[in-house]
Amino acid sequence: MRLTVLLLGLVLTLPGALSARAPAAATPPLAVPGLSEAQLSPDYWLDALAEPDRIILTPAQIAQQNARMVAEEPSIFDLEALPARLSGDQVSGWIQDLASLPTRDLFDEQGRKVEADVLAAIGANRALDAVPADQATRYGMAVQRADLRAFPTRLRVFHSAGDSDIDRFQESALFPGDPLVITHESADGEWLFVVSQRYAAWIERQYVAEGARDAVLAWGRSNAFLVVTGATVHTVYTPENPRVSDVQLEMGLRVPVLEDWPPLEPVNGQLASAHHVIQLPVRNDDGTLAFEPALLPRSADVADDYLPLTEANLIRQSFKFLGERYGWGHSYGTRDCSGFVSEIYRSFGVLLPRNTSRQSVTPALNRLAFSADDSHQARIDALAEARVGDLVFIPGHVMMILGHVDGEPVAIHDTAGMSWLPDPDGELVRLRLNGVVVTPILPMMSNATTPTTDRITNIQRIRP
């Protein structure tokens, strides 16, 4: 397609005679070059599909791929395979592999430089010298959405005094019901270092409930369950039980259903006639794990099984996030680029690594790799052949292919922004998109001379 420059600014009207009826307002121009209003609807992309409901991978094939992911991908932790006791070297290694104290200048939310003694105190709070030589493996669950941090601190830090968005201590998040292994606690007692399936990091103790291994692992294996298929859903607000009130559940989360709940027995002061009765983990006052019933409205976007992995469903699921704010490391109750694609695929039961660094190179997927020796045209040709749902990686970022317009690839992705050149002699224009957006790929520039296409390192194809 011919990519046109879309001008930003006010639309001015010439003075003229007054009329009884004002003319209809024109559709404002879109900021993204080459993007049309129609392309912001999933229907545009669905209508272009030749076989929208063709199964890409069957549930059995997905199970096989997930087993390969657990076996071959080093960033995935098999909690069931961990030994009954953990060595101190293993635990210390996890903690130190996560992050080293930064040596560059960092700034807090007020733009003040974080002093060296503050950073030293944060490092000391890890209590590395208190890691025992040997300890029993302890299990637990996240009881609500909670941040995973590089260090045991709530301090948000940034690379520049003008930035208060990308917190460099923010790593990821855990969601209600995520199983984990508790390996260590901070010197102040407020943080736990935990290992979950896709990440090992620090989490505030108040969001973790400790329980027996079998109880923790069994929760996610219930035969009666729902899968969250919306971007997010929330349990019903209930003052009777704040622990399960207005709990945010993310796309792809699988929650047990209490099918035999008596119809005339209230759940937290409300009959379940218009709800699903689900079971959620809660934290007792002593930090131990318990489970409580909660209500999920029948209007919530959920399904009674993982969705079929089809091109149509990939498009529908991705568009449920359109316009959501970009959240580095799952901050702001949202997600970043790698969280975006992994949660889309989780609604089909597909397991992906958490970060782009591992998503892009994991051997468990159908990977097409590029090196510095590959030409610009080789990357263009690969994009021309890419299918819906293919994941396109540049350093630090991932995009999902939506389709092609006049042979040129278009992606949906969660991004801080994009850059492009209005014309060969123009200056680089930076668009602060800061959310889930649809963009053509070819106009994107990494700098004034390098097309983003030339920085593609891998294309991961989640298909046979």
Protein backbone atom coordinates (compact mmCIF):
# COMPACT_ATOMS: atom_id res chain seq x y z
CA MET A 1 0.00 0.00 0.00
CA ARG A 2 1.09 3.54 -0.52
CA LEU A 3 1.93 4.97 2.90
CA THR A 4 0.69 8.51 3.26
CA VAL A 5 1.68 11.15 5.75
CA LEU A 6 -1.21 11.99 8.08
CA LEU A 7 -1.01 15.56 9.35
CA LEU A 8 -1.69 16.41 12.97
CA GLY A 9 -3.35 19.66 13.93
CA LEU A 10 -6.55 21.58 13.85
CA VAL A 11 -8.92 21.43 10.93
CA LEU A 12 -9.71 25.02 9.94
CA THR A 13 -12.90 25.99 8.14
CA LEU A 14 -13.27 28.98 5.86
CA PRO A 15 -15.80 31.62 6.86
CA GLY A 16 -19.04 31.41 5.00
CA ALA A 17 -22.75 31.96 5.19
CA LEU A 18 -24.50 30.63 8.25
CA SER A 19 -26.74 27.67 7.64
CA ALA A 20 -29.56 26.21 9.64
CA ARG A 21 -27.66 22.98 10.14
CA ALA A 22 -23.98 22.74 10.99
CA PRO A 23 -22.00 20.44 8.69
CA ALA A 24 -21.06 17.04 10.08
CA ALA A 25 -17.69 17.02 11.80
CA ALA A 26 -14.91 15.40 9.79
CA THR A 27 -13.19 12.35 11.20
CA PRO A 28 -9.98 13.61 12.82
CA PRO A 29 -6.76 12.35 11.24
CA LEU A 30 -4.93 9.46 12.86
CA ALA A 31 -1.41 10.00 14.15
CA VAL A 32 0.02 6.74 12.83
CA PRO A 33 1.20 6.93 9.20
CA GLY A 34 -0.57 4.58 6.83
CA LEU A 35 -3.27 3.60 9.34
CA SER A 36 -6.95 3.93 8.45
CA GLU A 37 -9.93 4.20 10.78
CA ALA A 38 -11.26 0.87 9.49
CA GLN A 39 -8.09 -0.93 10.57
CA LEU A 40 -8.86 -0.11 14.21
CA SER A 41 -11.69 -2.63 14.15
CA PRO A 42 -11.11 -6.40 14.41
CA ASP A 43 -13.75 -6.86 11.69
CA TYR A 44 -11.40 -5.34 9.11
CA TRP A 45 -8.83 -8.06 9.76
CA LEU A 46 -11.37 -10.85 10.23
CA ASP A 47 -12.92 -10.10 6.84
CA ALA A 48 -9.51 -10.57 5.20
CA LEU A 49 -9.02 -14.11 6.52
CA ALA A 50 -9.38 -17.00 4.08
CA GLU A 51 -9.81 -19.61 6.82
CA PRO A 52 -10.63 -17.69 10.00
CA ASP A 53 -11.61 -20.73 12.08
CA ARG A 54 -8.92 -23.16 10.96
CA ILE A 55 -7.28 -24.71 14.03
CA ILE A 56 -3.61 -23.72 14.19
CA LEU A 57 -2.71 -26.05 17.05
CA THR A 58 -5.02 -28.57 18.70
CA PRO A 59 -5.19 -28.83 22.50
CA ALA A 60 -3.00 -31.93 22.31
CA GLN A 61 -0.42 -30.09 20.21
CA ILE A 62 -0.48 -27.15 22.64
CA ALA A 63 0.10 -29.55 25.54
CA GLN A 64 3.08 -31.04 23.71
CA GLN A 65 4.51 -27.59 22.97
CA ASN A 66 4.03 -26.51 26.61
CA ALA A 67 5.82 -29.64 27.81
CA ARG A 68 8.69 -28.79 25.49
CA MET A 69 8.70 -25.22 26.83
CA VAL A 70 9.01 -26.46 30.40
CA ALA A 71 11.75 -28.94 29.43
CA GLU A 72 13.85 -26.72 27.16
CA GLU A 73 13.31 -23.08 28.12
CA PRO A 74 15.66 -21.97 30.97
CA SER A 75 13.42 -19.08 32.08
CA ILE A 76 10.54 -21.46 32.85
CA PHE A 77 10.55 -23.06 36.30
CA ASP A 78 8.90 -26.43 36.85
CA LEU A 79 7.69 -25.97 40.42
CA GLU A 80 6.61 -29.60 40.70
CA ALA A 81 10.10 -30.79 39.80
CA LEU A 82 11.89 -28.77 42.46
CA PRO A 83 13.50 -30.93 45.15
CA ALA A 84 12.08 -31.18 48.66
CA ARG A 85 15.02 -29.10 49.90
CA LEU A 86 16.81 -26.14 48.30
CA SER A 87 20.49 -25.37 48.69
CA GLY A 88 21.72 -21.96 49.77
CA ASP A 89 23.80 -21.70 46.61
CA GLN A 90 20.69 -22.19 44.48
CA VAL A 91 18.70 -19.55 46.35
CA SER A 92 21.55 -17.02 46.44
CA GLY A 93 22.11 -17.61 42.74
CA TRP A 94 18.46 -16.84 41.90
CA ILE A 95 18.57 -13.62 43.91
CA GLN A 96 21.84 -12.38 42.46
CA ASP A 97 21.02 -13.43 38.91
CA LEU A 98 17.90 -11.28 39.00
CA ALA A 99 19.68 -7.95 39.42
CA SER A 100 22.87 -6.26 40.57
CA LEU A 101 22.89 -2.92 42.33
CA PRO A 102 22.98 -0.28 39.58
CA THR A 103 26.07 1.87 39.15
CA ARG A 104 24.50 4.52 36.90
CA ASP A 105 22.58 7.51 38.24
CA LEU A 106 18.95 6.85 39.10
CA PHE A 107 16.18 9.28 40.00
CA ASP A 108 13.05 9.00 42.12
CA GLU A 109 9.51 10.10 41.24
CA GLN A 110 10.29 13.69 42.26
CA GLY A 111 13.30 13.80 39.93
CA ARG A 112 15.82 13.66 42.78
CA LYS A 113 18.97 11.61 42.42
CA VAL A 114 18.90 8.38 44.45
CA GLU A 115 21.93 8.54 46.68
CA ALA A 116 24.45 5.73 46.98
CA ASP A 117 23.62 5.05 50.63
CA VAL A 118 19.95 4.53 49.74
CA LEU A 119 20.90 1.99 47.07
CA ALA A 120 23.29 0.27 49.49
CA ALA A 121 20.50 -0.06 52.06
CA ILE A 122 18.22 -1.58 49.42
CA GLY A 123 20.92 -4.08 48.50
CA ALA A 124 21.49 -4.93 52.16
CA ASN A 125 17.75 -5.58 52.62
CA ARG A 126 18.18 -8.68 50.47
CA ALA A 127 19.91 -10.26 53.49
CA LEU A 128 22.09 -12.47 51.32
CA ASP A 129 24.23 -13.46 54.30
CA ALA A 130 21.11 -14.88 55.98
CA VAL A 131 20.34 -17.42 53.25
CA PRO A 132 20.62 -20.80 54.97
CA ALA A 133 22.88 -23.49 53.57
CA ASP A 134 19.88 -25.76 53.18
CA GLN A 135 16.12 -25.28 53.58
CA ALA A 136 12.84 -27.05 53.00
CA THR A 137 10.98 -26.07 49.83
CA ARG A 138 7.96 -23.98 50.84
CA TYR A 139 4.96 -23.39 48.60
CA GLY A 140 2.46 -20.58 48.41
CA MET A 141 0.13 -18.61 46.14
CA ALA A 142 -0.37 -15.01 45.14
CA VAL A 143 -3.71 -13.85 46.54
CA GLN A 144 -4.09 -10.78 44.33
CA ARG A 145 -2.29 -9.07 41.51
CA ALA A 146 1.07 -7.99 42.92
CA ASP A 147 4.30 -6.51 41.60
CA LEU A 148 7.46 -8.52 41.19
CA ARG A 149 10.49 -6.36 41.95
CA ALA A 150 14.20 -6.51 41.25
CA PHE A 151 14.92 -5.56 44.87
CA PRO A 152 12.90 -5.67 48.10
CA THR A 153 11.73 -2.06 47.94
CA ARG A 154 8.74 -0.01 46.89
CA LEU A 155 11.03 2.80 45.72
CA ARG A 156 10.39 3.59 42.06
CA VAL A 157 13.53 4.59 40.15
CA PHE A 158 14.09 6.04 36.68
CA HIS A 159 16.96 6.65 34.28
CA SER A 160 16.34 10.38 33.98
CA ALA A 161 14.96 13.14 36.17
CA GLY A 162 12.19 13.83 33.68
CA ASP A 163 10.91 10.26 33.58
CA SER A 164 8.36 8.95 36.05
CA ASP A 165 6.96 6.14 33.92
CA ILE A 166 9.40 3.26 33.40
CA ASP A 167 10.40 2.07 36.86
CA ARG A 168 13.70 0.24 36.52
CA PHE A 169 13.08 -1.85 39.65
CA GLN A 170 9.78 -3.18 38.25
CA GLU A 171 10.09 -6.68 36.79
CA SER A 172 6.67 -8.25 36.33
CA ALA A 173 3.56 -9.22 38.30
CA LEU A 174 1.86 -12.28 39.71
CA PHE A 175 -1.87 -12.83 39.47
CA PRO A 176 -4.40 -14.34 41.92
CA GLY A 177 -3.82 -18.08 42.19
CA ASP A 178 -0.34 -18.09 40.67
CA PRO A 179 1.61 -20.84 42.49
CA LEU A 180 5.06 -20.07 43.78
CA VAL A 181 7.92 -21.31 45.92
CA ILE A 182 9.04 -19.15 48.85
CA THR A 183 12.83 -19.15 49.11
CA HIS A 184 13.93 -16.18 51.25
CA GLU A 185 12.76 -13.10 53.13
CA SER A 186 14.16 -9.58 53.30
CA ALA A 187 15.93 -8.19 56.35
CA ASP A 188 12.93 -6.00 57.18
CA GLY A 189 10.59 -9.00 56.89
CA GLU A 190 8.25 -7.25 54.44
CA TRP A 191 9.38 -9.00 51.25
CA LEU A 192 9.70 -12.57 50.02
CA PHE A 193 11.89 -13.83 47.22
CA VAL A 194 9.71 -16.25 45.27
CA VAL A 195 10.03 -18.51 42.26
CA SER A 196 6.96 -18.73 40.04
CA GLN A 197 6.57 -20.61 36.78
CA ARG A 198 7.87 -17.72 34.67
CA TYR A 199 9.82 -15.49 37.05
CA ALA A 200 11.93 -15.38 40.20
CA ALA A 201 11.78 -12.03 42.01
CA TRP A 202 10.77 -10.11 45.14
CA ILE A 203 7.11 -9.71 46.15
CA GLU A 204 5.53 -8.06 49.17
CA ARG A 205 4.76 -10.62 51.85
CA GLN A 206 1.20 -9.33 52.31
CA TYR A 207 0.26 -10.69 48.85
CA VAL A 208 1.48 -14.24 49.46
CA ALA A 209 -0.24 -17.04 51.37
CA GLU A 210 1.81 -20.09 52.33
CA GLY A 211 0.25 -23.52 51.99
CA ALA A 212 0.88 -27.21 51.53
CA ARG A 213 2.46 -28.20 48.24
CA ASP A 214 -0.44 -30.40 47.15
CA ALA A 215 -3.07 -27.77 47.94
CA VAL A 216 -1.17 -25.12 46.00
CA LEU A 217 -0.65 -27.25 42.92
CA ALA A 218 -4.16 -28.77 42.94
CA TRP A 219 -5.98 -25.41 42.71
CA GLY A 220 -5.13 -24.94 39.05
CA ARG A 221 -6.08 -28.50 38.10
CA SER A 222 -9.77 -28.37 38.98
CA ASN A 223 -11.93 -30.22 36.47
CA ALA A 224 -14.56 -27.48 36.71
CA PHE A 225 -13.07 -24.13 35.79
CA LEU A 226 -13.44 -20.91 33.85
CA VAL A 227 -10.85 -19.19 31.67
CA VAL A 228 -10.76 -15.40 31.61
CA THR A 229 -11.13 -14.40 27.98
CA GLY A 230 -11.57 -10.66 28.49
CA ALA A 231 -8.64 -8.28 28.92
CA THR A 232 -9.57 -8.27 32.60
CA VAL A 233 -12.61 -9.20 34.67
CA HIS A 234 -13.43 -8.36 38.28
CA THR A 235 -15.19 -10.28 41.00
CA VAL A 236 -18.26 -8.66 42.51
CA TYR A 237 -17.68 -6.02 45.16
CA THR A 238 -18.56 -7.35 48.59
CA PRO A 239 -18.09 -5.56 51.93
CA GLU A 240 -18.76 -8.88 53.68
CA ASN A 241 -15.47 -10.39 52.48
CA PRO A 242 -12.94 -7.79 51.27
CA ARG A 243 -10.39 -10.50 50.50
CA VAL A 244 -12.38 -11.60 47.44
CA SER A 245 -14.02 -8.25 46.65
CA ASP A 246 -13.40 -6.57 43.26
CA VAL A 247 -10.41 -8.82 42.52
CA GLN A 248 -8.88 -8.22 39.10
CA LEU A 249 -8.38 -11.38 37.03
CA GLU A 250 -6.28 -11.25 33.85
CA MET A 251 -6.77 -12.75 30.40
CA GLY A 252 -5.92 -16.45 30.32
CA LEU A 253 -6.23 -17.00 34.07
CA ARG A 254 -7.89 -20.31 34.91
CA VAL A 255 -10.07 -20.29 38.05
CA PRO A 256 -11.93 -23.19 39.70
CA VAL A 257 -15.75 -23.13 39.68
CA LEU A 258 -17.78 -24.38 42.64
CA GLU A 259 -20.43 -26.14 40.57
CA ASP A 260 -22.26 -27.70 43.53
CA TRP A 261 -22.81 -24.44 45.41
CA PRO A 262 -26.40 -24.56 46.85
CA PRO A 263 -28.55 -22.13 44.83
CA LEU A 264 -30.27 -20.68 47.91
CA GLU A 265 -27.07 -20.19 49.92
CA PRO A 266 -25.73 -16.62 49.64
CA VAL A 267 -22.14 -15.95 48.68
CA ASN A 268 -20.89 -12.99 50.67
CA GLY A 269 -24.41 -11.64 51.16
CA GLN A 270 -25.63 -12.21 47.60
CA LEU A 271 -27.36 -15.09 45.86
CA ALA A 272 -25.50 -16.45 42.84
CA SER A 273 -28.46 -16.44 40.47
CA ALA A 274 -26.67 -14.11 38.05
CA HIS A 275 -23.13 -15.23 38.74
CA HIS A 276 -20.51 -17.92 38.55
CA VAL A 277 -19.32 -19.08 41.96
CA ILE A 278 -15.55 -19.35 41.75
CA GLN A 279 -12.89 -20.19 44.32
CA LEU A 280 -10.05 -17.80 45.10
CA PRO A 281 -7.02 -18.08 47.38
CA VAL A 282 -6.89 -15.78 50.41
CA ARG A 283 -4.32 -15.02 53.08
CA ASN A 284 -5.16 -15.66 56.71
CA ASP A 285 -3.90 -13.30 59.41
CA ASP A 286 -1.04 -15.70 60.14
CA GLY A 287 0.01 -15.78 56.48
CA THR A 288 -1.39 -19.23 55.74
CA LEU A 289 -3.39 -20.17 52.66
CA ALA A 290 -7.15 -20.63 52.59
CA PHE A 291 -9.76 -20.61 49.85
CA GLU A 292 -12.99 -18.62 49.69
CA PRO A 293 -15.96 -18.50 47.30
CA ALA A 294 -16.34 -15.36 45.19
CA LEU A 295 -18.89 -14.17 42.65
CA LEU A 296 -18.04 -13.48 39.05
CA PRO A 297 -20.86 -11.86 37.05
CA ARG A 298 -22.37 -13.90 34.23
CA SER A 299 -21.70 -10.86 32.05
CA ALA A 300 -17.93 -11.31 32.52
CA ASP A 301 -15.94 -12.26 29.44
CA VAL A 302 -15.05 -15.85 30.38
CA ALA A 303 -15.25 -19.31 28.79
CA ASP A 304 -15.57 -22.82 30.17
CA ASP A 305 -12.35 -23.89 28.46
CA TYR A 306 -9.37 -22.41 26.67
CA LEU A 307 -10.32 -20.86 23.35
CA PRO A 308 -9.54 -22.68 20.10
CA LEU A 309 -6.27 -21.37 18.67
CA THR A 310 -7.41 -19.86 15.36
CA GLU A 311 -6.45 -16.75 13.42
CA ALA A 312 -9.88 -15.25 14.10
CA ASN A 313 -9.55 -15.75 17.85
CA LEU A 314 -6.02 -14.33 17.86
CA ILE A 315 -7.36 -11.14 16.31
CA ARG A 316 -10.37 -10.94 18.61
CA GLN A 317 -8.28 -11.48 21.73
CA SER A 318 -5.63 -8.94 20.77
CA PHE A 319 -8.20 -6.22 20.07
CA LYS A 320 -9.62 -6.58 23.58
CA PHE A 321 -6.52 -4.70 24.76
CA LEU A 322 -6.63 -1.97 22.09
CA GLY A 323 -5.99 1.42 23.70
CA GLU A 324 -4.92 0.05 27.08
CA ARG A 325 -2.11 2.05 28.70
CA TYR A 326 1.40 0.64 28.35
CA GLY A 327 2.62 -0.67 31.70
CA TRP A 328 6.32 -1.49 31.93
CA GLY A 329 6.73 -4.76 33.83
CA HIS A 330 2.96 -5.08 34.33
CA SER A 331 2.78 -1.77 36.19
CA TYR A 332 -0.42 0.35 36.32
CA GLY A 333 -2.53 -2.80 36.50
CA THR A 334 -1.85 -3.30 32.78
CA ARG A 335 1.00 -4.92 30.85
CA ASP A 336 3.93 -4.33 28.50
CA CYS A 337 4.72 -5.72 25.05
CA SER A 338 5.75 -9.22 26.15
CA GLY A 339 2.96 -9.40 28.73
CA PHE A 340 0.50 -8.42 26.02
CA VAL A 341 1.42 -11.27 23.66
CA SER A 342 1.82 -13.85 26.42
CA GLU A 343 -1.62 -13.11 27.86
CA ILE A 344 -3.24 -13.33 24.44
CA TYR A 345 -1.71 -16.76 23.95
CA ARG A 346 -2.50 -17.81 27.50
CA SER A 347 -6.21 -17.57 26.64
CA PHE A 348 -5.54 -20.53 24.32
CA GLY A 349 -3.56 -22.41 26.98
CA VAL A 350 -0.20 -21.60 25.33
CA LEU A 351 2.77 -21.05 27.68
CA LEU A 352 5.29 -18.35 26.71
CA PRO A 353 8.29 -16.94 28.58
CA ARG A 354 7.70 -13.65 30.37
CA ASN A 355 10.26 -11.35 28.71
CA THR A 356 11.10 -10.58 25.10
CA SER A 357 14.72 -11.62 25.71
CA ARG A 358 13.56 -15.22 26.12
CA GLN A 359 10.40 -15.17 24.01
CA SER A 360 12.51 -14.21 21.01
CA VAL A 361 15.02 -17.06 21.23
CA THR A 362 13.27 -19.89 23.06
CA PRO A 363 13.89 -23.18 21.28
CA ALA A 364 10.39 -24.41 22.15
CA LEU A 365 8.76 -22.44 19.31
CA ASN A 366 9.03 -22.42 15.52
CA ARG A 367 11.75 -19.78 15.28
CA LEU A 368 13.00 -17.88 12.25
CA ALA A 369 16.25 -16.13 13.24
CA PHE A 370 18.06 -13.26 11.55
CA SER A 371 21.66 -12.14 11.87
CA ALA A 372 23.64 -9.07 10.83
CA ASP A 373 24.42 -10.90 7.58
CA ASP A 374 20.75 -11.00 6.55
CA SER A 375 19.72 -8.26 4.16
CA HIS A 376 16.94 -5.73 4.42
CA GLN A 377 15.14 -7.57 1.63
CA ALA A 378 15.38 -10.89 3.47
CA ARG A 379 13.50 -9.38 6.39
CA ILE A 380 10.94 -7.76 4.07
CA ASP A 381 10.36 -11.13 2.39
CA ALA A 382 9.88 -12.85 5.77
CA LEU A 383 7.35 -10.23 6.85
CA ALA A 384 5.48 -10.72 3.58
CA GLU A 385 5.10 -14.40 4.44
CA ALA A 386 4.23 -13.86 8.12
CA ARG A 387 0.84 -15.06 9.30
CA VAL A 388 -1.64 -13.78 11.83
CA GLY A 389 -0.27 -14.35 15.34
CA ASP A 390 3.40 -14.53 14.37
CA LEU A 391 5.58 -12.63 16.83
CA VAL A 392 8.13 -10.19 15.39
CA PHE A 393 11.04 -9.21 17.66
CA ILE A 394 13.44 -6.32 17.68
CA PRO A 395 15.77 -5.79 20.68
CA GLY A 396 13.52 -5.17 23.69
CA HIS A 397 10.20 -5.28 21.83
CA VAL A 398 7.69 -7.68 20.29
CA MET A 399 4.84 -7.12 17.83
CA MET A 400 2.08 -9.51 16.73
CA ILE A 401 1.17 -9.74 13.06
CA LEU A 402 -2.46 -8.84 12.28
CA GLY A 403 -2.29 -9.23 8.52
CA HIS A 404 -1.25 -7.40 5.37
CA VAL A 405 -2.59 -4.42 3.47
CA ASP A 406 -1.57 -4.41 -0.19
CA GLY A 407 1.13 -6.90 0.73
CA GLU A 408 2.64 -4.82 3.54
CA PRO A 409 2.63 -6.13 7.14
CA VAL A 410 0.58 -4.56 9.94
CA ALA A 411 1.02 -5.39 13.62
CA ILE A 412 -0.75 -4.88 16.93
CA HIS A 413 1.56 -4.28 19.88
CA ASP A 414 1.90 -2.64 23.27
CA THR A 415 4.46 0.11 22.87
CA ALA A 416 5.79 3.27 24.44
CA GLY A 417 5.95 4.81 20.96
CA MET A 418 7.15 4.65 17.39
CA SER A 419 9.27 6.85 15.13
CA TRP A 420 8.97 7.54 11.41
CA LEU A 421 10.26 9.86 8.70
CA PRO A 422 7.64 12.01 6.95
CA ASP A 423 9.82 12.15 3.83
CA PRO A 424 13.44 11.27 2.89
CA ASP A 425 14.67 14.74 3.84
CA GLY A 426 12.50 15.21 6.90
CA GLU A 427 13.31 14.99 10.59
CA LEU A 428 12.50 11.90 12.63
CA VAL A 429 9.06 12.15 14.22
CA ARG A 430 8.47 10.40 17.55
CA LEU A 431 4.91 9.41 18.45
CA ARG A 432 4.32 8.85 22.17
CA LEU A 433 1.68 6.14 21.75
CA ASN A 434 2.09 4.58 25.21
CA GLY A 435 -0.40 1.77 24.78
CA VAL A 436 -1.77 -1.05 22.66
CA VAL A 437 -1.88 0.20 19.07
CA VAL A 438 -2.14 -0.95 15.47
CA THR A 439 0.72 0.17 13.23
CA PRO A 440 2.14 -0.71 9.82
CA ILE A 441 5.65 -2.07 10.31
CA LEU A 442 7.52 -0.80 7.26
CA PRO A 443 7.29 2.96 8.02
CA MET A 444 8.74 2.50 11.51
CA MET A 445 12.25 3.83 12.06
CA SER A 446 14.71 3.07 14.86
CA ASN A 447 16.65 6.22 14.02
CA ALA A 448 16.96 8.63 11.11
CA THR A 449 18.83 6.10 8.97
CA THR A 450 17.75 2.65 10.24
CA PRO A 451 14.33 1.17 9.47
CA THR A 452 12.93 -0.86 12.35
CA THR A 453 12.68 -3.74 9.88
CA ASP A 454 16.48 -3.91 9.74
CA ARG A 455 16.59 -4.56 13.51
CA ILE A 456 14.35 -7.62 13.44
CA THR A 457 16.19 -10.40 15.24
CA ASN A 458 13.62 -13.19 15.24
CA ILE A 459 10.14 -14.16 14.17
CA GLN A 460 8.53 -16.76 16.43
CA ARG A 461 5.74 -18.77 14.82
CA ILE A 462 3.40 -20.55 17.19
CA ARG A 463 2.27 -23.12 14.68
CA PRO A 464 3.51 -26.42 13.26
